[in-house]
Amino acid sequence: MPVLGDNPAAVPVKAIVELPITPDSYCEELIILAEGNPRPLACRFKFTPLTGRAEVAVRLRLIETQTVSALARMNDGRVLMARQHITVTAGGCGM
């Protein structure tokens, strides 16, 4: 994730689970949260072991400077998290 969102209407976010994918250990869901937006749940993606790799790339509209989190829910109940504080130069949500 970038540190600076110079276009708050389309901030690029990419999340990758780099753990090996096996039938016994895989990412079931990736969730992207934009904590400062009116609706923090930006997107969620579901995976199976047949997916091969849990990787997503999206562009988010951010209303203000905020922390964006990526959560990976694993099939064994673990939740892995990455966070990045992103500074935006202007409001992009239109709210």
N, C-alpha and C. Protein backbone atom coordinates (compact mmCIF):
# COMPACT_ATOMS: atom_id res chain seq x y z
N MET A 1 0.85 -1.18 0.00
CA MET A 1 0.00 0.00 0.00
C MET A 1 0.89 1.24 0.00
N PRO A 2 0.45 2.25 -0.70
CA PRO A 2 1.27 3.47 -0.73
C PRO A 2 1.15 4.25 0.57
N VAL A 3 2.15 5.05 0.86
CA VAL A 3 2.11 5.93 2.03
C VAL A 3 1.33 7.20 1.69
N LEU A 4 1.37 7.60 0.42
CA LEU A 4 0.68 8.81 -0.03
C LEU A 4 -0.32 8.44 -1.12
N GLY A 5 -1.58 8.82 -0.92
CA GLY A 5 -2.61 8.63 -1.94
C GLY A 5 -2.83 9.95 -2.65
N ASP A 6 -2.11 10.18 -3.75
CA ASP A 6 -2.22 11.47 -4.44
C ASP A 6 -3.52 11.59 -5.22
N ASN A 7 -4.19 10.48 -5.49
CA ASN A 7 -5.52 10.49 -6.10
C ASN A 7 -6.45 9.74 -5.15
N PRO A 8 -7.11 10.43 -4.21
CA PRO A 8 -7.91 9.74 -3.20
C PRO A 8 -9.10 8.98 -3.77
N ALA A 9 -9.46 9.23 -5.02
CA ALA A 9 -10.56 8.50 -5.64
C ALA A 9 -10.13 7.12 -6.13
N ALA A 10 -8.83 6.86 -6.17
CA ALA A 10 -8.34 5.58 -6.68
C ALA A 10 -6.97 5.26 -6.09
N VAL A 11 -6.94 4.92 -4.81
CA VAL A 11 -5.68 4.56 -4.13
C VAL A 11 -5.43 3.06 -4.33
N PRO A 12 -4.30 2.69 -4.94
CA PRO A 12 -4.04 1.27 -5.20
C PRO A 12 -3.67 0.52 -3.92
N VAL A 13 -4.30 -0.64 -3.74
CA VAL A 13 -4.03 -1.51 -2.60
C VAL A 13 -3.87 -2.93 -3.13
N LYS A 14 -2.82 -3.59 -2.68
CA LYS A 14 -2.57 -4.97 -3.09
C LYS A 14 -2.30 -5.79 -1.84
N ALA A 15 -2.94 -6.95 -1.74
CA ALA A 15 -2.74 -7.84 -0.59
C ALA A 15 -2.42 -9.24 -1.10
N ILE A 16 -1.35 -9.83 -0.55
CA ILE A 16 -0.91 -11.16 -0.94
C ILE A 16 -0.64 -11.96 0.32
N VAL A 17 -1.18 -13.18 0.37
CA VAL A 17 -0.83 -14.11 1.45
C VAL A 17 0.29 -14.97 0.90
N GLU A 18 1.48 -14.84 1.48
CA GLU A 18 2.65 -15.52 0.94
C GLU A 18 2.89 -16.89 1.54
N LEU A 19 2.02 -17.33 2.46
CA LEU A 19 2.16 -18.68 3.02
C LEU A 19 1.83 -19.70 1.94
N PRO A 20 2.45 -20.88 2.00
CA PRO A 20 2.13 -21.91 1.00
C PRO A 20 0.67 -22.35 1.11
N ILE A 21 0.05 -22.58 -0.03
CA ILE A 21 -1.34 -23.04 -0.08
C ILE A 21 -1.34 -24.55 -0.23
N THR A 22 -1.98 -25.22 0.72
CA THR A 22 -2.16 -26.67 0.67
C THR A 22 -3.62 -26.97 0.97
N PRO A 23 -4.08 -28.19 0.72
CA PRO A 23 -5.47 -28.52 1.07
C PRO A 23 -5.76 -28.38 2.56
N ASP A 24 -4.72 -28.47 3.40
CA ASP A 24 -4.90 -28.38 4.85
C ASP A 24 -4.66 -26.97 5.40
N SER A 25 -4.03 -26.10 4.63
CA SER A 25 -3.71 -24.76 5.10
C SER A 25 -3.82 -23.77 3.94
N TYR A 26 -4.84 -22.92 4.02
CA TYR A 26 -5.05 -21.95 2.95
C TYR A 26 -5.83 -20.75 3.50
N CYS A 27 -5.82 -19.67 2.74
CA CYS A 27 -6.56 -18.46 3.09
C CYS A 27 -8.00 -18.62 2.58
N GLU A 28 -8.96 -18.49 3.49
CA GLU A 28 -10.37 -18.59 3.09
C GLU A 28 -10.93 -17.24 2.63
N GLU A 29 -10.39 -16.15 3.21
CA GLU A 29 -10.98 -14.85 2.91
C GLU A 29 -9.96 -13.73 3.13
N LEU A 30 -9.94 -12.78 2.23
CA LEU A 30 -9.18 -11.54 2.39
C LEU A 30 -10.17 -10.39 2.53
N ILE A 31 -9.97 -9.56 3.55
CA ILE A 31 -10.86 -8.45 3.83
C ILE A 31 -10.03 -7.17 3.84
N ILE A 32 -10.49 -6.14 3.13
CA ILE A 32 -9.82 -4.84 3.11
C ILE A 32 -10.72 -3.84 3.84
N LEU A 33 -10.15 -3.17 4.85
CA LEU A 33 -10.89 -2.18 5.64
C LEU A 33 -10.26 -0.80 5.48
N ALA A 34 -11.08 0.18 5.18
CA ALA A 34 -10.66 1.58 5.15
C ALA A 34 -11.32 2.23 6.37
N GLU A 35 -10.60 2.28 7.47
CA GLU A 35 -11.18 2.58 8.78
C GLU A 35 -11.80 3.97 8.88
N GLY A 36 -11.35 4.94 8.10
CA GLY A 36 -11.87 6.29 8.18
C GLY A 36 -13.03 6.58 7.24
N ASN A 37 -13.41 5.64 6.40
CA ASN A 37 -14.51 5.85 5.47
C ASN A 37 -15.85 5.63 6.16
N PRO A 38 -16.93 6.22 5.62
CA PRO A 38 -18.26 6.02 6.22
C PRO A 38 -18.65 4.54 6.29
N ARG A 39 -18.25 3.76 5.32
CA ARG A 39 -18.45 2.30 5.33
C ARG A 39 -17.06 1.67 5.28
N PRO A 40 -16.53 1.26 6.44
CA PRO A 40 -15.14 0.78 6.51
C PRO A 40 -14.85 -0.48 5.70
N LEU A 41 -15.83 -1.37 5.54
CA LEU A 41 -15.59 -2.59 4.78
C LEU A 41 -15.50 -2.23 3.30
N ALA A 42 -14.27 -2.19 2.79
CA ALA A 42 -14.06 -1.80 1.39
C ALA A 42 -14.37 -2.97 0.46
N CYS A 43 -13.88 -4.16 0.79
CA CYS A 43 -14.13 -5.33 -0.04
C CYS A 43 -13.73 -6.60 0.70
N ARG A 44 -14.25 -7.71 0.22
CA ARG A 44 -13.87 -9.02 0.75
C ARG A 44 -13.87 -10.03 -0.39
N PHE A 45 -12.90 -10.94 -0.32
CA PHE A 45 -12.70 -11.93 -1.37
C PHE A 45 -12.61 -13.31 -0.72
N LYS A 46 -13.25 -14.30 -1.32
CA LYS A 46 -13.24 -15.68 -0.82
C LYS A 46 -12.31 -16.52 -1.69
N PHE A 47 -11.63 -17.50 -1.05
CA PHE A 47 -10.70 -18.38 -1.74
C PHE A 47 -10.92 -19.82 -1.32
N THR A 48 -10.45 -20.74 -2.14
CA THR A 48 -10.42 -22.17 -1.82
C THR A 48 -8.98 -22.64 -2.04
N PRO A 49 -8.66 -23.86 -1.63
CA PRO A 49 -7.30 -24.37 -1.90
C PRO A 49 -7.00 -24.46 -3.40
N LEU A 50 -8.03 -24.56 -4.23
CA LEU A 50 -7.83 -24.66 -5.67
C LEU A 50 -7.44 -23.32 -6.31
N THR A 51 -7.61 -22.23 -5.57
CA THR A 51 -7.26 -20.92 -6.09
C THR A 51 -5.78 -20.83 -6.42
N GLY A 52 -4.95 -21.49 -5.62
CA GLY A 52 -3.51 -21.50 -5.87
C GLY A 52 -2.76 -20.42 -5.13
N ARG A 53 -3.31 -19.21 -5.07
CA ARG A 53 -2.66 -18.11 -4.37
C ARG A 53 -3.71 -17.08 -3.96
N ALA A 54 -3.61 -16.61 -2.73
CA ALA A 54 -4.53 -15.59 -2.26
C ALA A 54 -3.89 -14.23 -2.51
N GLU A 55 -4.33 -13.57 -3.58
CA GLU A 55 -3.76 -12.28 -3.98
C GLU A 55 -4.86 -11.43 -4.60
N VAL A 56 -4.96 -10.17 -4.16
CA VAL A 56 -5.94 -9.25 -4.73
C VAL A 56 -5.29 -7.88 -4.93
N ALA A 57 -5.78 -7.15 -5.90
CA ALA A 57 -5.36 -5.77 -6.14
C ALA A 57 -6.61 -4.97 -6.46
N VAL A 58 -6.81 -3.89 -5.71
CA VAL A 58 -7.99 -3.04 -5.88
C VAL A 58 -7.58 -1.58 -5.80
N ARG A 59 -8.48 -0.71 -6.16
CA ARG A 59 -8.31 0.73 -5.96
C ARG A 59 -9.43 1.19 -5.05
N LEU A 60 -9.05 1.88 -3.98
CA LEU A 60 -10.02 2.33 -2.99
C LEU A 60 -10.25 3.83 -3.09
N ARG A 61 -11.44 4.24 -2.79
CA ARG A 61 -11.77 5.65 -2.64
C ARG A 61 -11.69 5.96 -1.15
N LEU A 62 -10.80 6.87 -0.78
CA LEU A 62 -10.60 7.22 0.63
C LEU A 62 -11.11 8.63 0.89
N ILE A 63 -11.87 8.78 1.97
CA ILE A 63 -12.46 10.08 2.29
C ILE A 63 -11.45 11.00 2.97
N GLU A 64 -10.46 10.43 3.66
CA GLU A 64 -9.49 11.23 4.42
C GLU A 64 -8.24 10.40 4.67
N THR A 65 -7.22 11.02 5.22
CA THR A 65 -6.03 10.31 5.65
C THR A 65 -6.44 9.30 6.71
N GLN A 66 -6.00 8.05 6.56
CA GLN A 66 -6.46 7.00 7.44
C GLN A 66 -5.59 5.76 7.35
N THR A 67 -5.91 4.79 8.19
CA THR A 67 -5.23 3.50 8.17
C THR A 67 -6.09 2.51 7.38
N VAL A 68 -5.45 1.81 6.45
CA VAL A 68 -6.11 0.76 5.68
C VAL A 68 -5.54 -0.56 6.16
N SER A 69 -6.42 -1.52 6.42
CA SER A 69 -6.01 -2.83 6.93
C SER A 69 -6.41 -3.92 5.95
N ALA A 70 -5.55 -4.93 5.84
CA ALA A 70 -5.85 -6.14 5.08
C ALA A 70 -5.81 -7.30 6.06
N LEU A 71 -6.93 -8.03 6.15
CA LEU A 71 -7.02 -9.18 7.05
C LEU A 71 -7.18 -10.45 6.22
N ALA A 72 -6.39 -11.45 6.54
CA ALA A 72 -6.48 -12.74 5.87
C ALA A 72 -6.99 -13.75 6.90
N ARG A 73 -8.18 -14.30 6.64
CA ARG A 73 -8.74 -15.32 7.53
C ARG A 73 -8.37 -16.68 6.97
N MET A 74 -7.58 -17.42 7.75
CA MET A 74 -7.09 -18.72 7.32
C MET A 74 -8.12 -19.81 7.69
N ASN A 75 -8.05 -20.96 7.03
CA ASN A 75 -9.02 -22.02 7.28
C ASN A 75 -8.89 -22.63 8.68
N ASP A 76 -7.75 -22.44 9.34
CA ASP A 76 -7.57 -23.00 10.69
C ASP A 76 -7.98 -22.01 11.78
N GLY A 77 -8.56 -20.86 11.41
CA GLY A 77 -9.04 -19.90 12.38
C GLY A 77 -8.10 -18.72 12.63
N ARG A 78 -6.86 -18.81 12.18
CA ARG A 78 -5.93 -17.69 12.35
C ARG A 78 -6.37 -16.51 11.49
N VAL A 79 -6.07 -15.31 11.98
CA VAL A 79 -6.31 -14.10 11.20
C VAL A 79 -4.98 -13.34 11.14
N LEU A 80 -4.49 -13.13 9.92
CA LEU A 80 -3.26 -12.39 9.69
C LEU A 80 -3.64 -10.98 9.27
N MET A 81 -2.86 -9.99 9.71
CA MET A 81 -3.22 -8.61 9.41
C MET A 81 -2.00 -7.79 8.99
N ALA A 82 -2.22 -6.92 8.02
CA ALA A 82 -1.23 -5.92 7.61
C ALA A 82 -1.96 -4.58 7.60
N ARG A 83 -1.26 -3.52 8.04
CA ARG A 83 -1.86 -2.19 8.09
C ARG A 83 -0.90 -1.17 7.49
N GLN A 84 -1.48 -0.13 6.91
CA GLN A 84 -0.68 0.96 6.37
C GLN A 84 -1.44 2.26 6.57
N HIS A 85 -0.77 3.26 7.14
CA HIS A 85 -1.36 4.59 7.25
C HIS A 85 -1.15 5.29 5.91
N ILE A 86 -2.23 5.75 5.30
CA ILE A 86 -2.16 6.38 3.98
C ILE A 86 -2.61 7.83 4.11
N THR A 87 -1.75 8.73 3.68
CA THR A 87 -2.07 10.16 3.68
C THR A 87 -2.65 10.51 2.33
N VAL A 88 -3.86 11.09 2.34
CA VAL A 88 -4.48 11.52 1.08
C VAL A 88 -4.39 13.03 0.98
N THR A 89 -4.32 13.53 -0.24
CA THR A 89 -4.11 14.95 -0.46
C THR A 89 -5.41 15.74 -0.53
N ALA A 90 -6.56 15.07 -0.77
CA ALA A 90 -7.87 15.73 -0.81
C ALA A 90 -8.93 14.67 -0.60
N GLY A 91 -10.12 15.07 -0.18
CA GLY A 91 -11.22 14.11 0.02
C GLY A 91 -11.67 13.51 -1.30
N GLY A 92 -11.85 12.20 -1.33
CA GLY A 92 -12.24 11.55 -2.58
C GLY A 92 -13.57 10.85 -2.52
N CYS A 93 -14.21 10.78 -1.36
CA CYS A 93 -15.43 10.01 -1.20
C CYS A 93 -16.66 10.80 -1.61
N GLY A 94 -16.56 12.11 -1.63
CA GLY A 94 -17.70 12.91 -2.01
C GLY A 94 -18.75 13.01 -0.92
N MET A 95 -18.38 12.72 0.32
CA MET A 95 -19.32 12.79 1.44
C MET A 95 -18.90 13.82 2.45
